[in-house]
Amino acid sequence: MTIREAALAAAADGLTPAERQVVEAVLAEPARVAFGTVAELAGRSGTSGPTVVRVARKLGYDGYR
């Protein structure tokens, strides 16, 4: 499953507006996710670190490394 497919599946389950912002930031620049930090993604998406981690878990990951 690609990141895009996982994001769409999670969106179908109902993401909060802040969680959607994280997904949009990931889809806009997926390569940055691989080497970025929670804080960087939170900043780019205008959300918080816990929101980024929550989205990662909703997408089926153990967290954000």
N, C-alpha and C. Protein backbone atom coordinates (compact mmCIF):
# COMPACT_ATOMS: atom_id res chain seq x y z
N MET A 1 0.85 -1.18 0.00
CA MET A 1 0.00 0.00 0.00
C MET A 1 0.89 1.24 0.00
N THR A 2 0.59 2.18 -0.88
CA THR A 2 1.36 3.42 -0.94
C THR A 2 0.89 4.39 0.14
N ILE A 3 1.68 5.42 0.38
CA ILE A 3 1.28 6.45 1.35
C ILE A 3 -0.03 7.08 0.90
N ARG A 4 -0.16 7.33 -0.38
CA ARG A 4 -1.39 7.94 -0.91
C ARG A 4 -2.59 7.04 -0.65
N GLU A 5 -2.45 5.76 -0.90
CA GLU A 5 -3.56 4.83 -0.67
C GLU A 5 -3.92 4.76 0.80
N ALA A 6 -2.90 4.72 1.66
CA ALA A 6 -3.15 4.68 3.10
C ALA A 6 -3.85 5.95 3.57
N ALA A 7 -3.43 7.10 3.03
CA ALA A 7 -4.05 8.37 3.41
C ALA A 7 -5.51 8.41 2.99
N LEU A 8 -5.78 7.93 1.80
CA LEU A 8 -7.17 7.92 1.33
C LEU A 8 -8.02 6.98 2.16
N ALA A 9 -7.46 5.83 2.53
CA ALA A 9 -8.21 4.89 3.36
C ALA A 9 -8.50 5.50 4.73
N ALA A 10 -7.51 6.17 5.30
CA ALA A 10 -7.72 6.81 6.60
C ALA A 10 -8.74 7.93 6.50
N ALA A 11 -8.70 8.67 5.40
CA ALA A 11 -9.65 9.76 5.22
C ALA A 11 -11.07 9.22 5.19
N ALA A 12 -11.25 8.07 4.62
CA ALA A 12 -12.58 7.46 4.56
C ALA A 12 -13.09 7.14 5.97
N ASP A 13 -12.17 6.86 6.88
CA ASP A 13 -12.55 6.55 8.26
C ASP A 13 -12.83 7.82 9.07
N GLY A 14 -12.57 8.97 8.50
CA GLY A 14 -12.87 10.23 9.16
C GLY A 14 -11.70 10.82 9.91
N LEU A 15 -10.97 11.68 9.26
CA LEU A 15 -9.88 12.41 9.90
C LEU A 15 -10.40 13.76 10.39
N THR A 16 -9.77 14.26 11.43
CA THR A 16 -10.09 15.60 11.89
C THR A 16 -9.50 16.59 10.88
N PRO A 17 -9.92 17.84 10.91
CA PRO A 17 -9.32 18.83 10.01
C PRO A 17 -7.80 18.93 10.16
N ALA A 18 -7.29 18.89 11.37
CA ALA A 18 -5.84 18.97 11.59
C ALA A 18 -5.15 17.74 11.01
N GLU A 19 -5.75 16.57 11.17
CA GLU A 19 -5.16 15.36 10.61
C GLU A 19 -5.14 15.41 9.09
N ARG A 20 -6.16 16.00 8.50
CA ARG A 20 -6.17 16.16 7.04
C ARG A 20 -5.04 17.08 6.58
N GLN A 21 -4.72 18.09 7.37
CA GLN A 21 -3.62 19.00 7.04
C GLN A 21 -2.30 18.23 6.99
N VAL A 22 -2.11 17.31 7.94
CA VAL A 22 -0.89 16.50 7.95
C VAL A 22 -0.83 15.64 6.70
N VAL A 23 -1.93 14.98 6.37
CA VAL A 23 -1.98 14.12 5.18
C VAL A 23 -1.69 14.95 3.92
N GLU A 24 -2.25 16.13 3.84
CA GLU A 24 -2.01 16.98 2.67
C GLU A 24 -0.54 17.36 2.56
N ALA A 25 0.10 17.64 3.70
CA ALA A 25 1.53 17.98 3.69
C ALA A 25 2.36 16.78 3.26
N VAL A 26 1.98 15.60 3.70
CA VAL A 26 2.70 14.38 3.30
C VAL A 26 2.54 14.14 1.81
N LEU A 27 1.34 14.27 1.31
CA LEU A 27 1.10 14.03 -0.11
C LEU A 27 1.77 15.08 -0.99
N ALA A 28 1.91 16.30 -0.47
CA ALA A 28 2.55 17.37 -1.24
C ALA A 28 4.05 17.12 -1.40
N GLU A 29 4.69 16.56 -0.38
CA GLU A 29 6.14 16.32 -0.41
C GLU A 29 6.48 15.01 0.29
N PRO A 30 6.10 13.88 -0.29
CA PRO A 30 6.31 12.59 0.38
C PRO A 30 7.78 12.27 0.67
N ALA A 31 8.70 12.72 -0.15
CA ALA A 31 10.11 12.42 0.08
C ALA A 31 10.63 13.07 1.36
N ARG A 32 10.08 14.19 1.74
CA ARG A 32 10.53 14.88 2.96
C ARG A 32 10.14 14.12 4.21
N VAL A 33 9.11 13.30 4.12
CA VAL A 33 8.66 12.54 5.28
C VAL A 33 9.70 11.51 5.70
N ALA A 34 10.37 10.92 4.73
CA ALA A 34 11.34 9.86 5.02
C ALA A 34 12.50 10.35 5.87
N PHE A 35 12.91 11.59 5.70
CA PHE A 35 14.07 12.10 6.41
C PHE A 35 13.76 13.23 7.38
N GLY A 36 12.49 13.62 7.46
CA GLY A 36 12.10 14.71 8.33
C GLY A 36 11.76 14.25 9.74
N THR A 37 11.49 15.21 10.58
CA THR A 37 11.11 14.93 11.96
C THR A 37 9.63 15.23 12.17
N VAL A 38 9.13 14.79 13.29
CA VAL A 38 7.75 15.10 13.65
C VAL A 38 7.56 16.61 13.71
N ALA A 39 8.51 17.29 14.32
CA ALA A 39 8.41 18.75 14.46
C ALA A 39 8.38 19.45 13.10
N GLU A 40 9.20 18.99 12.16
CA GLU A 40 9.22 19.60 10.83
C GLU A 40 7.88 19.40 10.12
N LEU A 41 7.35 18.18 10.18
CA LEU A 41 6.07 17.92 9.52
C LEU A 41 4.95 18.69 10.20
N ALA A 42 5.00 18.77 11.50
CA ALA A 42 3.99 19.55 12.23
C ALA A 42 4.04 21.01 11.79
N GLY A 43 5.24 21.55 11.67
CA GLY A 43 5.40 22.94 11.24
C GLY A 43 4.90 23.16 9.83
N ARG A 44 5.26 22.25 8.91
CA ARG A 44 4.82 22.40 7.52
C ARG A 44 3.32 22.26 7.37
N SER A 45 2.71 21.47 8.26
CA SER A 45 1.26 21.25 8.14
C SER A 45 0.45 22.18 9.03
N GLY A 46 1.13 22.98 9.85
CA GLY A 46 0.43 23.90 10.74
C GLY A 46 -0.32 23.18 11.85
N THR A 47 0.23 22.05 12.28
CA THR A 47 -0.40 21.25 13.34
C THR A 47 0.60 21.04 14.47
N SER A 48 0.35 20.03 15.30
CA SER A 48 1.23 19.74 16.42
C SER A 48 1.88 18.37 16.26
N GLY A 49 2.93 18.14 17.04
CA GLY A 49 3.60 16.85 17.03
C GLY A 49 2.66 15.68 17.33
N PRO A 50 1.84 15.80 18.38
CA PRO A 50 0.92 14.70 18.66
C PRO A 50 -0.05 14.41 17.51
N THR A 51 -0.43 15.44 16.76
CA THR A 51 -1.31 15.22 15.61
C THR A 51 -0.59 14.42 14.54
N VAL A 52 0.67 14.73 14.30
CA VAL A 52 1.46 14.00 13.31
C VAL A 52 1.56 12.52 13.71
N VAL A 53 1.86 12.26 14.97
CA VAL A 53 1.98 10.88 15.45
C VAL A 53 0.63 10.17 15.35
N ARG A 54 -0.43 10.86 15.69
CA ARG A 54 -1.77 10.28 15.62
C ARG A 54 -2.11 9.88 14.18
N VAL A 55 -1.77 10.72 13.22
CA VAL A 55 -2.01 10.39 11.81
C VAL A 55 -1.20 9.17 11.41
N ALA A 56 0.06 9.12 11.81
CA ALA A 56 0.89 7.95 11.48
C ALA A 56 0.25 6.67 12.00
N ARG A 57 -0.27 6.72 13.20
CA ARG A 57 -0.93 5.54 13.78
C ARG A 57 -2.22 5.20 13.04
N LYS A 58 -2.97 6.21 12.65
CA LYS A 58 -4.20 5.95 11.90
C LYS A 58 -3.89 5.35 10.52
N LEU A 59 -2.69 5.64 10.01
CA LEU A 59 -2.28 5.09 8.72
C LEU A 59 -1.69 3.68 8.86
N GLY A 60 -1.66 3.18 10.10
CA GLY A 60 -1.22 1.81 10.31
C GLY A 60 0.22 1.65 10.74
N TYR A 61 0.91 2.76 11.04
CA TYR A 61 2.30 2.68 11.49
C TYR A 61 2.35 2.70 13.01
N ASP A 62 3.47 2.22 13.59
CA ASP A 62 3.62 2.21 15.04
C ASP A 62 3.80 3.61 15.60
N GLY A 63 4.19 4.52 14.77
CA GLY A 63 4.45 5.90 15.17
C GLY A 63 5.20 6.58 14.05
N TYR A 64 5.93 7.63 14.39
CA TYR A 64 6.68 8.37 13.39
C TYR A 64 8.14 8.35 13.81
N ARG A 65 8.99 7.73 13.01
CA ARG A 65 10.42 7.64 13.35
C ARG A 65 11.20 8.57 12.47
